[in-house]
C-alpha atoms as a PDB file:
ATOM      1  CA  MET A   1      20.384 -41.325 -57.640  1.00  0.00           C
ATOM      2  CA  LEU A   2      21.395 -38.241 -55.671  1.00  0.00           C
ATOM      3  CA  ILE A   3      21.000 -34.804 -56.826  1.00  0.00           C
ATOM      4  CA  ILE A   4      22.426 -31.851 -54.695  1.00  0.00           C
ATOM      5  CA  VAL A   5      20.895 -28.397 -55.342  1.00  0.00           C
ATOM      6  CA  ASP A   6      22.637 -25.418 -53.855  1.00  0.00           C
ATOM      7  CA  ARG A   7      20.387 -22.329 -54.444  1.00  0.00           C
ATOM      8  CA  ASP A   8      22.023 -18.948 -55.118  1.00  0.00           C
ATOM      9  CA  MET A   9      21.286 -16.215 -52.611  1.00  0.00           C
ATOM     10  CA  SER A  10      19.367 -13.864 -54.853  1.00  0.00           C
ATOM     11  CA  LYS A  11      15.989 -12.489 -53.516  1.00  0.00           C
ATOM     12  CA  PHE A  12      13.005 -14.713 -53.765  1.00  0.00           C
ATOM     13  CA  PHE A  13       9.936 -15.447 -51.725  1.00  0.00           C
ATOM     14  CA  VAL A  14      10.571 -17.922 -48.995  1.00  0.00           C
ATOM     15  CA  HIS A  15       7.776 -20.477 -48.551  1.00  0.00           C
ATOM     16  CA  TRP A  16       7.318 -24.220 -48.153  1.00  0.00           C
ATOM     17  CA  GLU A  17       6.527 -26.010 -51.355  1.00  0.00           C
ATOM     18  CA  ALA A  18       4.868 -29.450 -51.574  1.00  0.00           C
ATOM     19  CA  PRO A  19       6.699 -32.084 -53.405  1.00  0.00           C
ATOM     20  CA  LEU A  20       5.538 -33.554 -56.677  1.00  0.00           C
ATOM     21  CA  GLU A  21       3.016 -36.590 -56.433  1.00  0.00           C
ATOM     22  CA  HIS A  22       4.789 -39.789 -55.357  1.00  0.00           C
ATOM     23  CA  TRP A  23       7.572 -37.805 -53.686  1.00  0.00           C
ATOM     24  CA  ILE A  24       8.095 -37.076 -50.063  1.00  0.00           C
ATOM     25  CA  ARG A  25       9.753 -34.031 -48.629  1.00  0.00           C
ATOM     26  CA  LEU A  26      11.989 -34.168 -45.565  1.00  0.00           C
ATOM     27  CA  ASN A  27      12.617 -30.892 -43.798  1.00  0.00           C
ATOM     28  CA  ILE A  28      15.546 -31.213 -41.338  1.00  0.00           C
ATOM     29  CA  ASP A  29      17.410 -28.925 -39.011  1.00  0.00           C
ATOM     30  CA  GLY A  30      19.901 -29.091 -36.286  1.00  0.00           C
ATOM     31  CA  VAL A  31      20.173 -26.536 -33.431  1.00  0.00           C
ATOM     32  CA  SER A  32      22.889 -25.461 -31.007  1.00  0.00           C
ATOM     33  CA  LYS A  33      22.857 -23.051 -28.117  1.00  0.00           C
ATOM     34  CA  GLY A  34      26.564 -22.190 -28.435  1.00  0.00           C
ATOM     35  CA  ASN A  35      29.201 -23.950 -30.508  1.00  0.00           C
ATOM     36  CA  PRO A  36      29.930 -26.227 -28.885  1.00  0.00           C
ATOM     37  CA  GLY A  37      26.918 -26.172 -26.876  1.00  0.00           C
ATOM     38  CA  VAL A  38      23.510 -27.996 -26.034  1.00  0.00           C
ATOM     39  CA  ILE A  39      22.306 -29.373 -29.372  1.00  0.00           C
ATOM     40  CA  GLY A  40      19.287 -30.928 -30.815  1.00  0.00           C
ATOM     41  CA  ALA A  41      17.926 -32.049 -34.247  1.00  0.00           C
ATOM     42  CA  GLY A  42      14.610 -32.510 -35.786  1.00  0.00           C
ATOM     43  CA  GLY A  43      12.882 -33.306 -38.923  1.00  0.00           C
ATOM     44  CA  ILE A  44       9.434 -33.866 -40.574  1.00  0.00           C
ATOM     45  CA  LEU A  45       8.251 -36.001 -43.556  1.00  0.00           C
ATOM     46  CA  ARG A  46       5.407 -34.683 -45.577  1.00  0.00           C
ATOM     47  CA  GLY A  47       3.480 -35.786 -48.594  1.00  0.00           C
ATOM     48  CA  HIS A  48       2.547 -33.955 -51.773  1.00  0.00           C
ATOM     49  CA  TYR A  49      -0.544 -32.562 -50.129  1.00  0.00           C
ATOM     50  CA  GLY A  50       1.504 -31.192 -47.236  1.00  0.00           C
ATOM     51  CA  ASN A  51       0.165 -33.946 -45.044  1.00  0.00           C
ATOM     52  CA  TRP A  52       2.431 -34.997 -42.026  1.00  0.00           C
ATOM     53  CA  ILE A  53       3.720 -38.475 -42.266  1.00  0.00           C
ATOM     54  CA  LYS A  54       6.313 -38.693 -39.475  1.00  0.00           C
ATOM     55  CA  GLY A  55       8.679 -36.549 -37.637  1.00  0.00           C
ATOM     56  CA  PHE A  56      11.359 -36.710 -34.872  1.00  0.00           C
ATOM     57  CA  ALA A  57      13.018 -34.420 -32.395  1.00  0.00           C
ATOM     58  CA  ILE A  58      15.970 -35.473 -30.400  1.00  0.00           C
ATOM     59  CA  ASN A  59      18.234 -33.949 -27.686  1.00  0.00           C
ATOM     60  CA  LEU A  60      21.845 -34.771 -28.568  1.00  0.00           C
ATOM     61  CA  GLY A  61      23.615 -33.371 -25.389  1.00  0.00           C
ATOM     62  CA  THR A  62      26.577 -31.102 -25.905  1.00  0.00           C
ATOM     63  CA  CYS A  63      28.525 -30.841 -29.235  1.00  0.00           C
ATOM     64  CA  THR A  64      28.820 -28.526 -32.285  1.00  0.00           C
ATOM     65  CA  TYR A  65      26.113 -27.384 -34.674  1.00  0.00           C
ATOM     66  CA  VAL A  66      27.765 -29.374 -37.527  1.00  0.00           C
ATOM     67  CA  LYS A  67      27.016 -32.680 -35.704  1.00  0.00           C
ATOM     68  CA  ALA A  68      23.540 -31.449 -35.027  1.00  0.00           C
ATOM     69  CA  GLU A  69      22.883 -30.839 -38.703  1.00  0.00           C
ATOM     70  CA  LEU A  70      24.496 -34.130 -39.804  1.00  0.00           C
ATOM     71  CA  THR A  71      22.645 -36.115 -37.078  1.00  0.00           C
ATOM     72  CA  ALA A  72      19.360 -34.547 -38.360  1.00  0.00           C
ATOM     73  CA  LEU A  73      20.282 -35.735 -41.883  1.00  0.00           C
ATOM     74  CA  ILE A  74      20.983 -39.359 -40.816  1.00  0.00           C
ATOM     75  CA  LYS A  75      17.967 -39.594 -38.579  1.00  0.00           C
ATOM     76  CA  GLY A  76      15.820 -38.205 -41.308  1.00  0.00           C
ATOM     77  CA  LEU A  77      17.107 -40.563 -43.844  1.00  0.00           C
ATOM     78  CA  ARG A  78      16.676 -43.587 -41.538  1.00  0.00           C
ATOM     79  CA  LEU A  79      13.075 -42.327 -40.893  1.00  0.00           C
ATOM     80  CA  ALA A  80      12.293 -42.054 -44.553  1.00  0.00           C
ATOM     81  CA  LYS A  81      13.718 -45.521 -45.279  1.00  0.00           C
ATOM     82  CA  SER A  82      11.624 -47.079 -42.349  1.00  0.00           C
ATOM     83  CA  GLN A  83       8.532 -45.523 -44.059  1.00  0.00           C
ATOM     84  CA  GLY A  84       9.379 -47.145 -47.415  1.00  0.00           C
ATOM     85  CA  VAL A  85      10.016 -43.851 -49.174  1.00  0.00           C
ATOM     86  CA  SER A  86      11.498 -44.309 -52.610  1.00  0.00           C
ATOM     87  CA  GLN A  87      11.587 -40.658 -53.834  1.00  0.00           C
ATOM     88  CA  LEU A  88      12.747 -38.156 -51.236  1.00  0.00           C
ATOM     89  CA  ILE A  89      13.488 -34.406 -51.454  1.00  0.00           C
ATOM     90  CA  ILE A  90      15.574 -33.079 -48.431  1.00  0.00           C
ATOM     91  CA  HIS A  91      15.614 -29.537 -47.389  1.00  0.00           C
ATOM     92  CA  THR A  92      18.308 -28.331 -45.137  1.00  0.00           C
ATOM     93  CA  ASP A  93      19.504 -24.815 -44.178  1.00  0.00           C
ATOM     94  CA  SER A  94      23.010 -26.133 -43.695  1.00  0.00           C
ATOM     95  CA  GLN A  95      25.498 -25.075 -46.347  1.00  0.00           C
ATOM     96  CA  VAL A  96      28.036 -27.250 -44.427  1.00  0.00           C
ATOM     97  CA  VAL A  97      26.011 -30.433 -44.872  1.00  0.00           C
ATOM     98  CA  LEU A  98      25.596 -29.744 -48.563  1.00  0.00           C
ATOM     99  CA  SER A  99      29.309 -29.133 -48.851  1.00  0.00           C
ATOM    100  CA  LYS A 100      30.234 -32.368 -46.900  1.00  0.00           C
ATOM    101  CA  MET A 101      27.859 -34.463 -48.912  1.00  0.00           C
ATOM    102  CA  LYS A 102      29.720 -33.362 -52.247  1.00  0.00           C
ATOM    103  CA  THR A 103      33.169 -34.493 -50.999  1.00  0.00           C
ATOM    104  CA  SER A 104      34.894 -37.458 -49.474  1.00  0.00           C
ATOM    105  CA  LEU A 105      36.676 -37.054 -46.228  1.00  0.00           C
ATOM    106  CA  GLN A 106      39.729 -38.641 -44.953  1.00  0.00           C
ATOM    107  CA  ARG A 107      39.402 -41.010 -42.035  1.00  0.00           C
ATOM    108  CA  ASN A 108      41.055 -38.714 -39.543  1.00  0.00           C
ATOM    109  CA  LYS A 109      38.803 -35.685 -40.331  1.00  0.00           C
ATOM    110  CA  GLU A 110      36.244 -34.424 -37.878  1.00  0.00           C
ATOM    111  CA  TYR A 111      32.669 -35.882 -38.486  1.00  0.00           C
ATOM    112  CA  TYR A 112      34.134 -38.578 -40.639  1.00  0.00           C
ATOM    113  CA  HIS A 113      31.690 -41.307 -39.502  1.00  0.00           C
ATOM    114  CA  HIS A 114      28.687 -38.962 -39.643  1.00  0.00           C
ATOM    115  CA  VAL A 115      29.494 -37.931 -43.222  1.00  0.00           C
ATOM    116  CA  LYS A 116      30.237 -41.500 -44.365  1.00  0.00           C
ATOM    117  CA  GLU A 117      27.001 -42.792 -42.926  1.00  0.00           C
ATOM    118  CA  SER A 118      25.122 -39.882 -44.512  1.00  0.00           C
ATOM    119  CA  GLN A 119      26.627 -40.470 -47.958  1.00  0.00           C
ATOM    120  CA  GLU A 120      25.914 -44.176 -47.731  1.00  0.00           C
ATOM    121  CA  LEU A 121      22.291 -43.587 -47.024  1.00  0.00           C
ATOM    122  CA  LEU A 122      22.088 -41.015 -49.721  1.00  0.00           C
ATOM    123  CA  HIS A 123      23.708 -42.971 -52.394  1.00  0.00           C
ATOM    124  CA  ASN A 124      21.453 -46.078 -51.878  1.00  0.00           C
ATOM    125  CA  PRO A 125      20.350 -47.388 -55.289  1.00  0.00           C
ATOM    126  CA  ASP A 126      16.870 -48.253 -53.929  1.00  0.00           C
ATOM    127  CA  TRP A 127      15.752 -44.566 -53.972  1.00  0.00           C
ATOM    128  CA  LYS A 128      16.050 -41.233 -55.695  1.00  0.00           C
ATOM    129  CA  VAL A 129      17.068 -38.305 -53.439  1.00  0.00           C
ATOM    130  CA  ILE A 130      17.332 -34.636 -54.096  1.00  0.00           C
ATOM    131  CA  LEU A 131      19.203 -32.813 -51.360  1.00  0.00           C
ATOM    132  CA  GLU A 132      18.419 -28.938 -51.558  1.00  0.00           C
ATOM    133  CA  HIS A 133      19.468 -25.911 -49.507  1.00  0.00           C
ATOM    134  CA  CYS A 134      16.777 -23.785 -48.140  1.00  0.00           C
ATOM    135  CA  LEU A 135      16.828 -20.589 -46.200  1.00  0.00           C
ATOM    136  CA  CYS A 136      16.110 -20.884 -42.393  1.00  0.00           C
ATOM    137  CA  GLU A 137      13.602 -18.165 -42.508  1.00  0.00           C
END
């Protein structure tokens, strides 16, 4: 089961919120110095007490910020799977990632393979996933 939550941009207090018991939160982000430019990606898994479970940070060379964000999602999903997570809440500040996860792409479109792999990981029947937009502040 996959749920995608796209928050409206009304004013609210920005803070990290622990997931419910038996859920794990994955915060991911891709970064780019220029577009295209030098990019990287990172993420962290935390439990319902805010405890650190596992994390990653990777240098991806030169590409676009969209590839950085999608790669962060893929690496984070793989990491969660490797840790045996069955209920996952993902926070991303990328509206582009949310948009791409809602639609199917044609084979010849840019980032097709990244989007396809992300969607396959997200739609795995072995787990429940909530993909939410969060502000980068």
